[in-house]
């Protein structure tokens, strides 16, 4: 009977991890909305008090979700909650630990400067904080390995306070169809194929063909009345249709940027002028033009 009850209350590991990600995304959205609402107060003021704003906002969110409903925003979306046997005092202590821990991490340097002016003391505090952070990260890795094996307490703080996840609706089990996985695998495979093929496609060749078929009005007037290849303020690159950078001529009266003409000729040895159709027989014909 107990095994059956435990199977009904069991929460999949992926659901517990997803609830953490959803809660983090929800907090980011709320914070961005709050910052956009107070942006006219002054960016300097908001930046100076950002740790306090973070702490206050986190406390309010956790107070009205974890403390009142026994589940965070992400847990509510996935129908997860903390066990009913968990006391409200334990939940409140958990909230204070999370909020104050993040706030102290951001303000420890400022607090140290207020308490002491001794550089050696400041260096000792910084070193101690670094060691504590390393220890905490090691504990996170160990806790993650234990969580993947046991399936309980995805974070160190939840394990410290014994906050165990349970299903808010045991009759509704989360299922992910194989159709979803198949679609994701096909899409990622297609994206990797495109990333492999696109660099092999001569984009400049197709770009030249399109520009020959549909020339722009600015290109039709590009140096049309000029007998030579002299550079003028009205001159534009025959390829990119912008003011030429290091203009070069290539046998006809039109000009092009250094990069445009060399990249076009390198990618297509049969490259010809997009306006008059002049073909470049040899790279020797590509010469710099005084601007």
Protein backbone atom coordinates (compact mmCIF):
# COMPACT_ATOMS: atom_id res chain seq x y z
CA UNK A 1 0.00 0.00 0.00
CA UNK A 2 2.84 2.41 0.83
CA UNK A 3 4.59 1.63 -2.46
CA UNK A 4 1.39 2.48 -4.34
CA UNK A 5 1.06 5.75 -2.42
CA UNK A 6 4.66 6.64 -3.13
CA UNK A 7 4.16 5.97 -6.85
CA UNK A 8 1.22 8.35 -6.90
CA UNK A 9 3.15 11.06 -5.06
CA UNK A 10 6.33 10.60 -7.09
CA UNK A 11 7.30 13.59 -9.23
CA UNK A 12 9.51 12.96 -12.30
CA UNK A 13 12.97 14.48 -12.20
CA UNK A 14 12.41 16.40 -15.43
CA UNK A 15 9.31 18.04 -13.96
CA UNK A 16 11.24 19.21 -10.89
CA UNK A 17 14.03 20.68 -13.02
CA UNK A 18 11.57 22.28 -15.45
CA UNK A 19 9.71 23.93 -12.57
CA UNK A 20 12.94 25.65 -11.52
CA UNK A 21 13.52 26.95 -15.04
CA UNK A 22 9.93 28.17 -15.34
CA UNK A 23 10.17 30.00 -12.03
CA UNK A 24 13.39 31.66 -13.13
CA UNK A 25 11.85 32.76 -16.44
CA UNK A 26 8.74 34.09 -14.69
CA UNK A 27 10.92 36.11 -12.31
CA UNK A 28 12.91 37.54 -15.24
CA UNK A 29 9.71 38.66 -16.96
CA UNK A 30 8.35 40.30 -13.81
CA UNK A 31 11.68 42.03 -13.13
CA UNK A 32 11.93 43.38 -16.69
CA UNK A 33 8.39 44.77 -16.44
CA UNK A 34 9.22 46.40 -13.11
CA UNK A 35 12.42 47.97 -14.43
CA UNK A 36 10.62 49.31 -17.51
CA UNK A 37 7.98 50.84 -15.23
CA UNK A 38 10.55 52.71 -13.11
CA UNK A 39 13.02 53.56 -15.87
CA UNK A 40 12.01 57.23 -15.78
CA UNK A 41 13.13 57.45 -12.14
CA UNK A 42 16.70 57.29 -13.35
CA UNK A 43 18.99 54.49 -14.49
CA UNK A 44 21.61 55.42 -11.91
CA UNK A 45 19.12 55.10 -9.05
CA UNK A 46 17.81 51.73 -10.27
CA UNK A 47 21.32 50.33 -10.81
CA UNK A 48 22.45 51.46 -7.37
CA UNK A 49 19.56 49.72 -5.61
CA UNK A 50 19.28 46.71 -7.93
CA UNK A 51 20.30 44.13 -5.25
CA UNK A 52 17.64 45.48 -2.89
CA UNK A 53 15.06 45.51 -5.70
CA UNK A 54 15.95 41.89 -6.51
CA UNK A 55 15.68 40.84 -2.87
CA UNK A 56 12.35 42.58 -2.32
CA UNK A 57 10.83 41.25 -5.52
CA UNK A 58 12.02 37.69 -4.84
CA UNK A 59 10.66 37.81 -1.31
CA UNK A 60 7.23 39.00 -2.46
CA UNK A 61 7.00 36.36 -5.18
CA UNK A 62 8.09 33.52 -2.88
CA UNK A 63 5.89 34.83 -0.06
CA UNK A 64 2.71 34.67 -2.14
CA UNK A 65 3.57 31.44 -3.95
CA UNK A 66 5.73 29.12 -1.85
CA UNK A 67 4.50 30.34 1.54
CA UNK A 68 0.80 30.76 0.66
CA UNK A 69 0.31 28.00 -1.90
CA UNK A 70 3.22 25.67 -1.00
CA UNK A 71 4.43 25.83 -4.62
CA UNK A 72 6.38 28.26 -6.76
CA UNK A 73 5.20 29.69 -10.09
CA UNK A 74 6.91 26.94 -12.07
CA UNK A 75 5.62 24.23 -9.74
CA UNK A 76 2.05 25.49 -10.13
CA UNK A 77 2.36 25.30 -13.91
CA UNK A 78 3.49 21.67 -13.66
CA UNK A 79 1.08 20.79 -10.81
CA UNK A 80 3.80 20.27 -8.23
CA UNK A 81 3.91 21.42 -4.63
CA UNK A 82 5.79 20.86 -1.41
CA UNK A 83 4.47 18.23 0.96
CA UNK A 84 1.56 19.19 3.18
CA UNK A 85 3.53 17.99 6.22
CA UNK A 86 6.04 20.80 5.69
CA UNK A 87 5.48 23.52 8.29
CA UNK A 88 4.96 27.15 7.32
CA UNK A 89 7.87 28.16 9.54
CA UNK A 90 10.20 25.90 7.56
CA UNK A 91 8.93 27.40 4.30
CA UNK A 92 9.47 30.91 5.65
CA UNK A 93 13.02 30.07 6.74
CA UNK A 94 13.65 28.61 3.31
CA UNK A 95 12.46 31.84 1.65
CA UNK A 96 14.65 34.00 3.90
CA UNK A 97 17.69 31.82 3.22
CA UNK A 98 17.23 32.02 -0.56
CA UNK A 99 16.60 35.77 -0.61
CA UNK A 100 19.27 36.78 1.92
CA UNK A 101 21.83 34.42 0.37
CA UNK A 102 21.50 36.03 -3.05
CA UNK A 103 21.48 39.51 -1.55
CA UNK A 104 24.63 38.89 0.52
CA UNK A 105 26.40 37.52 -2.55
CA UNK A 106 25.78 40.84 -4.33
CA UNK A 107 26.41 43.14 -1.37
CA UNK A 108 29.25 41.44 0.51
CA UNK A 109 31.85 43.81 -0.92
CA UNK A 110 29.80 46.89 -0.02
CA UNK A 111 29.18 45.61 3.52
CA UNK A 112 32.87 44.87 4.01
CA UNK A 113 33.81 48.41 2.96
CA UNK A 114 31.37 49.83 5.51
CA UNK A 115 32.59 47.63 8.38
CA UNK A 116 36.33 48.04 7.88
CA UNK A 117 38.80 50.12 5.90
CA UNK A 118 41.66 47.65 6.35
CA UNK A 119 42.78 46.29 2.98
CA UNK A 120 44.03 43.04 4.54
CA UNK A 121 40.64 42.43 6.13
CA UNK A 122 38.90 43.09 2.83
CA UNK A 123 41.20 40.66 1.04
CA UNK A 124 40.57 38.03 3.73
CA UNK A 125 36.81 38.45 3.40
CA UNK A 126 37.02 38.20 -0.41
CA UNK A 127 39.09 35.03 -0.14
CA UNK A 128 36.65 33.55 2.35
CA UNK A 129 33.71 34.36 0.08
CA UNK A 130 35.49 32.75 -2.88
CA UNK A 131 36.12 29.59 -0.87
CA UNK A 132 32.51 29.47 0.28
CA UNK A 133 31.34 29.86 -3.30
CA UNK A 134 33.60 27.01 -4.43
CA UNK A 135 32.32 24.77 -1.62
CA UNK A 136 28.73 25.61 -2.53
CA UNK A 137 29.31 24.76 -6.19
CA UNK A 138 30.85 21.43 -5.20
CA UNK A 139 27.83 20.74 -3.00
CA UNK A 140 25.57 21.59 -5.94
CA UNK A 141 27.34 19.04 -8.14
CA UNK A 142 27.16 16.35 -5.45
CA UNK A 143 23.52 17.16 -4.77
CA UNK A 144 22.71 16.95 -8.48
CA UNK A 145 24.26 13.48 -8.72
CA UNK A 146 22.29 12.33 -5.67
CA UNK A 147 19.13 13.89 -7.10
CA UNK A 148 19.57 12.08 -10.42
CA UNK A 149 19.89 8.79 -8.51
CA UNK A 150 17.21 9.28 -5.84
CA UNK A 151 14.83 11.72 -7.53
CA UNK A 152 14.39 14.07 -4.55
CA UNK A 153 15.69 17.53 -3.52
CA UNK A 154 16.97 19.11 -6.79
CA UNK A 155 18.70 21.98 -4.94
CA UNK A 156 21.02 22.14 -1.95
CA UNK A 157 18.70 24.54 -0.11
CA UNK A 158 15.68 22.27 -0.50
CA UNK A 159 17.71 19.34 0.80
CA UNK A 160 18.89 21.43 3.75
CA UNK A 161 15.31 22.23 4.79
CA UNK A 162 13.90 18.85 3.74
CA UNK A 163 11.46 20.32 1.20
CA UNK A 164 10.25 17.38 -0.84
CA UNK A 165 8.19 17.73 -4.00
CA UNK A 166 4.91 15.94 -4.39
CA UNK A 167 2.25 15.90 -7.08
CA UNK A 168 -0.60 18.38 -6.62
CA UNK A 169 -2.83 16.15 -8.75
CA UNK A 170 -1.69 12.50 -8.49
CA UNK A 171 -4.25 11.39 -11.07
CA UNK A 172 -2.77 13.63 -13.76
CA UNK A 173 0.64 12.27 -14.74
CA UNK A 174 2.81 14.35 -17.03
CA UNK A 175 3.42 12.59 -20.34
CA UNK A 176 5.55 13.60 -23.31
CA UNK A 177 4.60 11.91 -26.56
CA UNK A 178 7.16 10.40 -28.92
CA UNK A 179 5.82 12.70 -31.63
CA UNK A 180 7.33 15.66 -29.79
CA UNK A 181 10.74 14.00 -29.53
CA UNK A 182 10.63 12.97 -33.20
CA UNK A 183 9.81 16.52 -34.29
CA UNK A 184 12.61 17.96 -32.17
CA UNK A 185 15.13 15.46 -33.52
CA UNK A 186 14.12 16.18 -37.13
CA UNK A 187 14.34 19.93 -36.59
CA UNK A 188 17.78 19.77 -34.96
CA UNK A 189 19.00 17.47 -37.71
CA UNK A 190 17.72 19.87 -40.37
CA UNK A 191 19.36 22.83 -38.61
CA UNK A 192 22.72 21.01 -38.48
CA UNK A 193 22.39 20.13 -42.18
CA UNK A 194 21.78 23.78 -43.06
CA UNK A 195 24.75 24.88 -40.94
CA UNK A 196 26.93 22.42 -42.88
CA UNK A 197 25.62 23.21 -46.38
CA UNK A 198 25.24 27.01 -46.32
CA UNK A 199 29.00 27.78 -46.19
CA UNK A 200 29.44 25.62 -49.31
CA UNK A 201 26.89 27.57 -51.37
CA UNK A 202 28.22 30.36 -53.58
CA UNK A 203 25.86 33.06 -52.37
CA UNK A 204 27.69 35.76 -54.31
CA UNK A 205 26.98 33.93 -57.59
CA UNK A 206 23.23 33.88 -56.98
CA UNK A 207 23.39 37.48 -55.77
CA UNK A 208 25.02 38.51 -59.05
CA UNK A 209 22.36 36.71 -61.09
CA UNK A 210 19.54 38.39 -59.18
CA UNK A 211 21.10 41.83 -59.60
CA UNK A 212 21.49 41.27 -63.34
CA UNK A 213 17.84 40.27 -63.68
CA UNK A 214 16.42 42.97 -61.39
CA UNK A 215 18.80 45.96 -61.43
CA UNK A 216 17.92 48.80 -59.10
CA UNK A 217 17.27 52.34 -60.29
CA UNK A 218 20.37 53.59 -58.54
CA UNK A 219 22.52 51.06 -60.36
CA UNK A 220 21.10 51.98 -63.77
CA UNK A 221 22.34 55.52 -63.21
CA UNK A 222 25.62 54.48 -61.64
CA UNK A 223 28.30 56.25 -63.69
CA UNK A 224 26.03 56.00 -66.74
CA UNK A 225 27.03 59.44 -68.02
CA UNK A 226 30.69 59.25 -67.10
CA UNK A 227 33.14 58.32 -69.86
CA UNK A 228 35.86 57.08 -67.50
CA UNK A 229 36.24 55.54 -64.07
CA UNK A 230 36.85 58.70 -62.06
CA UNK A 231 35.50 58.66 -58.53
CA UNK A 232 32.80 61.21 -57.65
CA UNK A 233 30.43 61.74 -54.68
CA UNK A 234 27.64 60.12 -56.74
CA UNK A 235 29.64 57.02 -57.53
CA UNK A 236 28.43 53.80 -55.90
CA UNK A 237 29.77 50.27 -55.81
CA UNK A 238 28.35 48.23 -58.66
CA UNK A 239 27.97 45.24 -56.32
CA UNK A 240 26.80 46.53 -52.93
CA UNK A 241 25.32 49.80 -54.30
CA UNK A 242 26.99 51.86 -51.56
CA UNK A 243 29.81 54.38 -51.46
CA UNK A 244 32.90 52.36 -52.51
CA UNK A 245 35.43 51.51 -49.82
CA UNK A 246 38.90 51.46 -51.43
CA UNK A 247 37.37 51.76 -54.93
CA UNK A 248 38.79 49.54 -57.68
CA UNK A 249 38.17 49.41 -61.41
CA UNK A 250 38.13 46.18 -63.40
CA UNK A 251 38.21 47.07 -67.09
CA UNK A 252 35.00 49.00 -67.59
CA UNK A 253 33.83 52.44 -66.45
CA UNK A 254 32.18 51.11 -63.27
CA UNK A 255 33.75 50.88 -59.82
CA UNK A 256 33.48 48.50 -56.89
CA UNK A 257 34.74 48.13 -53.34
CA UNK A 258 38.00 46.27 -52.86
CA UNK A 259 36.32 43.50 -50.88
CA UNK A 260 33.27 43.30 -53.17
CA UNK A 261 35.20 42.89 -56.43
CA UNK A 262 37.83 40.49 -55.07
CA UNK A 263 35.32 38.30 -53.24
CA UNK A 264 33.05 38.21 -56.31
CA UNK A 265 35.91 37.29 -58.66
CA UNK A 266 37.32 34.70 -56.24
CA UNK A 267 33.95 32.99 -55.83
CA UNK A 268 33.12 33.18 -59.54
CA UNK A 269 36.00 33.39 -62.08
CA UNK A 270 33.40 34.12 -64.79
CA UNK A 271 32.17 37.19 -62.93
CA UNK A 272 31.07 40.07 -65.14
CA UNK A 273 29.97 43.62 -64.42
CA UNK A 274 26.39 43.67 -63.21
CA UNK A 275 25.59 46.76 -65.33
CA UNK A 276 27.45 46.51 -68.61
CA UNK A 277 28.32 42.80 -68.63
CA UNK A 278 32.08 43.33 -68.93
CA UNK A 279 33.95 40.13 -68.05
CA UNK A 280 37.14 40.12 -66.00
CA UNK A 281 39.73 38.09 -67.92
CA UNK A 282 42.42 38.29 -65.26
CA UNK A 283 42.84 39.63 -61.74
CA UNK A 284 45.48 41.99 -63.16
CA UNK A 285 42.60 44.05 -64.54
CA UNK A 286 41.46 44.88 -61.00
CA UNK A 287 43.24 48.12 -60.18
CA UNK A 288 42.84 50.72 -57.42
CA UNK A 289 41.22 54.01 -58.31
CA UNK A 290 42.15 57.29 -56.68
CA UNK A 291 39.32 58.75 -54.58
